[in-house]
Amino acid sequence: MRIISGSHKSRRIIAPKGLPARPTTDYAKEGLFNLIGNEFDIDKCDVLDLFAGIGGITFEFASRGAKKIVCIDQHSGCINFIKKTTMELGFDQIRVLKNDAYRFLKKCDGQFNIIFADPPYDLKNINQIPELVFEKKLLTENGLLILEHDKSWDFSDSPNFYLHKNYSNVNFSIFQY
């Protein structure tokens, strides 16, 4: 995995073998962050990274100066790796929590400019993520929910659907409050 821009541009991060993660490709990450950069000043953003895995999106936001990042994953190995890497890279704006993403969404009372969710592609109930985010009003005005998924999902008829982007095998459905 590589950080593609910001203060830690080109920094390679090597995760231990055996962690259940599927990092977003550099190609997809670059396209996604171009889109985000056109919508937001990232250094003024509060970000929630759900299903954080090994933290690729978290570290990309941190490198680009995001104000606050909360990252959630339920796998202890992933959480420990993110915490260790956060300290090594000197990112003090990252808060790492071991939690189930759905449980976190149901109890969360904060608001974020950007919520990024990259659940396992075979997860059956990812359509509940946008429902929970908008039901709980977790986005600020004009905030974005970015949901990474495989090609079998189509959210174009969903409430608050804004845009679909495809980068090879990576699909992003983007919702706006």
Foldseek 3Di string as FASTA:
>chain_A
DAQCDAQRHRDDDDADPDFPDDDDDPQVVVVVVVVVVVVDQLLDWEEEEEQCGQPRVVVNSQRSNHQAYEYEEQDPSSQVNNVVVCVVVVRPRYHYDRDHRVVCLQPDQEATLEYEYEDPQPDDPPVVVVVSCVVSVRYDAFGKYKYKYFPVDDCPVPPQFDDWDDDPGIIITMGTD
